[in-house]
Amino acid sequence: MEKTIDLKLRQTTVSDLETLFEFQTDQEAGYLAAFMPKDPTDKPAYLSKYTRLLSDPTVNNQTILVNNIIVGHVAKFIMHGDTEITYWIDKKFWGQGIATKALHEFLLIELSRPIFGRVAFDNFGSQKVLEKCGFVKTGTDSGFANARQAEIEEFIYKLNS
């Protein structure tokens, strides 16, 4: 019998940022995310950036709750004219289908299309999440990944509808 996940999304608030910041400091998760701030432990910089983004009308930040516990976030933002998606799940909750369910729920409220997702070439978990939510791999790019201190390949995924 499949365990049901009591997952809810709600608009991210400033009070969520303390918890969400802590998730970003996990080194293994940061390595997989790859494209991180230069210093992911710089809490004032994180709080300043995300407090500003919470009031940006082009950004849709949602906090992911499971059993009323913050387990991550999912967001839509605009970069270089493209609508993009990002998400982060606390490592303690990996492998439970939470990212897939949260992204699926998010795409029901965020109707911008096309919408792109970018993922490190070796982040197989996030690749599967995007594919399960209907994203199709459309290309590759490369960029400097602060978490790895190297230029790496990233896969570009696209959702049209």
Protein backbone atom coordinates (compact mmCIF):
# COMPACT_ATOMS: atom_id res chain seq x y z
CA MET A 1 0.00 0.00 0.00
CA GLU A 2 1.41 3.38 -1.02
CA LYS A 3 1.86 5.89 1.77
CA THR A 4 -0.04 9.12 1.10
CA ILE A 5 1.86 12.33 1.56
CA ASP A 6 0.02 15.20 3.26
CA LEU A 7 1.71 17.84 1.12
CA LYS A 8 0.68 21.47 0.89
CA LEU A 9 2.11 24.48 -0.91
CA ARG A 10 1.73 28.00 0.41
CA GLN A 11 3.21 31.35 -0.47
CA THR A 12 6.68 31.64 1.05
CA THR A 13 6.97 34.14 3.90
CA VAL A 14 9.99 35.87 5.41
CA SER A 15 9.64 33.63 8.47
CA ASP A 16 10.20 30.55 6.24
CA LEU A 17 13.59 31.80 5.08
CA GLU A 18 15.50 30.74 8.21
CA THR A 19 14.51 27.10 7.65
CA LEU A 20 14.99 27.22 3.88
CA PHE A 21 18.46 28.71 4.38
CA GLU A 22 19.49 25.74 6.53
CA PHE A 23 18.64 23.31 3.71
CA GLN A 24 21.03 25.14 1.38
CA THR A 25 23.96 24.62 3.76
CA ASP A 26 23.92 20.83 3.29
CA GLN A 27 27.07 20.03 1.27
CA GLU A 28 25.75 16.90 -0.46
CA ALA A 29 22.58 18.68 -1.54
CA GLY A 30 24.60 21.68 -2.66
CA TYR A 31 26.89 19.48 -4.71
CA LEU A 32 23.91 18.02 -6.58
CA ALA A 33 22.30 21.43 -7.05
CA ALA A 34 25.72 22.60 -8.26
CA PHE A 35 24.74 26.16 -9.20
CA MET A 36 24.81 27.78 -5.80
CA PRO A 37 25.83 31.13 -4.34
CA LYS A 38 29.59 31.57 -3.95
CA ASP A 39 29.15 31.23 -0.20
CA PRO A 40 26.04 29.18 0.66
CA THR A 41 26.72 29.75 4.37
CA ASP A 42 26.36 33.55 4.07
CA LYS A 43 23.05 33.89 5.89
CA PRO A 44 22.71 37.70 5.65
CA ALA A 45 23.20 37.53 1.86
CA TYR A 46 20.63 34.72 1.56
CA LEU A 47 18.05 36.51 3.70
CA SER A 48 18.57 39.77 1.84
CA LYS A 49 18.23 38.18 -1.60
CA TYR A 50 15.17 36.06 -0.80
CA THR A 51 13.39 38.79 1.17
CA ARG A 52 13.72 40.96 -1.95
CA LEU A 53 12.50 38.13 -4.22
CA LEU A 54 9.39 37.61 -2.08
CA SER A 55 8.15 41.02 -3.21
CA ASP A 56 9.09 40.53 -6.89
CA PRO A 57 5.84 40.04 -8.86
CA THR A 58 7.66 37.96 -11.52
CA VAL A 59 8.66 35.36 -8.91
CA ASN A 60 6.27 32.77 -7.49
CA ASN A 61 7.84 31.31 -4.33
CA GLN A 62 5.98 28.49 -2.61
CA THR A 63 6.99 26.72 0.58
CA ILE A 64 6.47 22.96 0.62
CA LEU A 65 4.92 21.56 3.78
CA VAL A 66 4.52 17.89 4.67
CA ASN A 67 2.43 17.28 7.78
CA ASN A 68 2.77 21.04 8.41
CA ILE A 69 6.59 20.81 8.49
CA ILE A 70 8.64 22.88 6.06
CA VAL A 71 10.50 20.43 3.82
CA GLY A 72 11.48 22.67 0.91
CA HIS A 73 10.39 25.20 -1.65
CA VAL A 74 9.51 25.48 -5.31
CA ALA A 75 9.61 28.67 -7.35
CA LYS A 76 9.14 30.19 -10.77
CA PHE A 77 11.41 33.03 -11.88
CA ILE A 78 12.43 34.80 -15.07
CA MET A 79 16.03 34.55 -16.30
CA HIS A 80 17.24 35.95 -19.61
CA GLY A 81 13.62 36.23 -20.76
CA ASP A 82 12.79 32.58 -20.03
CA THR A 83 10.41 31.34 -17.33
CA GLU A 84 12.31 28.86 -15.16
CA ILE A 85 11.54 26.54 -12.28
CA THR A 86 13.63 25.73 -9.23
CA TYR A 87 13.01 23.55 -6.21
CA TRP A 88 14.84 22.29 -3.16
CA ILE A 89 13.88 19.50 -0.79
CA ASP A 90 15.52 18.97 2.60
CA LYS A 91 17.80 15.94 2.24
CA LYS A 92 15.97 14.16 5.11
CA PHE A 93 12.95 13.92 2.78
CA TRP A 94 14.66 12.70 -0.40
CA GLY A 95 13.37 9.56 -2.07
CA GLN A 96 9.77 9.91 -0.85
CA GLY A 97 8.23 11.42 -3.99
CA ILE A 98 7.88 14.82 -2.35
CA ALA A 99 9.71 16.79 -5.05
CA THR A 100 7.62 15.20 -7.80
CA LYS A 101 4.34 15.79 -5.97
CA ALA A 102 5.29 19.37 -5.04
CA LEU A 103 6.34 20.25 -8.58
CA HIS A 104 3.18 18.67 -9.99
CA GLU A 105 1.03 20.71 -7.56
CA PHE A 106 3.03 23.85 -8.31
CA LEU A 107 2.48 23.47 -12.05
CA LEU A 108 -1.29 23.47 -11.42
CA ILE A 109 -1.09 26.98 -9.91
CA GLU A 110 1.82 28.37 -11.96
CA LEU A 111 0.48 28.42 -15.50
CA SER A 112 3.36 30.17 -17.30
CA ARG A 113 4.42 28.14 -20.32
CA PRO A 114 6.80 27.28 -21.70
CA ILE A 115 8.69 26.78 -18.45
CA PHE A 116 12.25 25.51 -18.22
CA GLY A 117 14.13 23.46 -15.66
CA ARG A 118 17.91 23.18 -15.54
CA VAL A 119 19.72 20.40 -13.77
CA ALA A 120 23.31 19.25 -13.36
CA PHE A 121 24.19 16.41 -15.74
CA ASP A 122 24.65 13.98 -12.85
CA ASN A 123 21.66 14.98 -10.70
CA PHE A 124 19.60 11.95 -11.69
CA GLY A 125 16.98 12.51 -8.99
CA SER A 126 16.04 15.95 -10.27
CA GLN A 127 16.10 14.73 -13.86
CA LYS A 128 13.52 12.07 -12.93
CA VAL A 129 11.36 14.64 -11.10
CA LEU A 130 11.24 16.88 -14.17
CA GLU A 131 10.48 13.98 -16.51
CA LYS A 132 7.70 12.65 -14.26
CA CYS A 133 6.13 16.13 -14.38
CA GLY A 134 6.13 16.21 -18.18
CA PHE A 135 9.32 18.13 -18.87
CA VAL A 136 11.31 17.03 -21.92
CA LYS A 137 15.08 17.35 -22.25
CA THR A 138 15.69 19.88 -25.02
CA GLY A 139 19.37 20.69 -24.77
CA THR A 140 22.49 21.22 -22.76
CA ASP A 141 24.50 24.16 -21.52
CA SER A 142 27.56 24.59 -19.37
CA GLY A 143 28.34 26.96 -16.59
CA PHE A 144 30.48 27.49 -13.55
CA ALA A 145 29.09 25.54 -10.60
CA ASN A 146 30.13 27.24 -7.37
CA ALA A 147 29.40 24.13 -5.31
CA ARG A 148 31.92 22.17 -7.38
CA GLN A 149 34.34 24.97 -8.23
CA ALA A 150 34.29 23.79 -11.85
CA GLU A 151 32.49 24.31 -15.12
CA ILE A 152 29.97 21.52 -15.62
CA GLU A 153 27.32 20.48 -18.09
CA GLU A 154 23.69 21.04 -17.27
CA PHE A 155 20.64 19.62 -18.98
CA ILE A 156 17.82 21.92 -20.06
CA TYR A 157 14.27 20.63 -19.75
CA LYS A 158 11.13 22.28 -21.11
CA LEU A 159 7.43 21.98 -20.36
CA ASN A 160 5.11 23.38 -23.03
CA SER A 161 1.67 22.69 -21.61
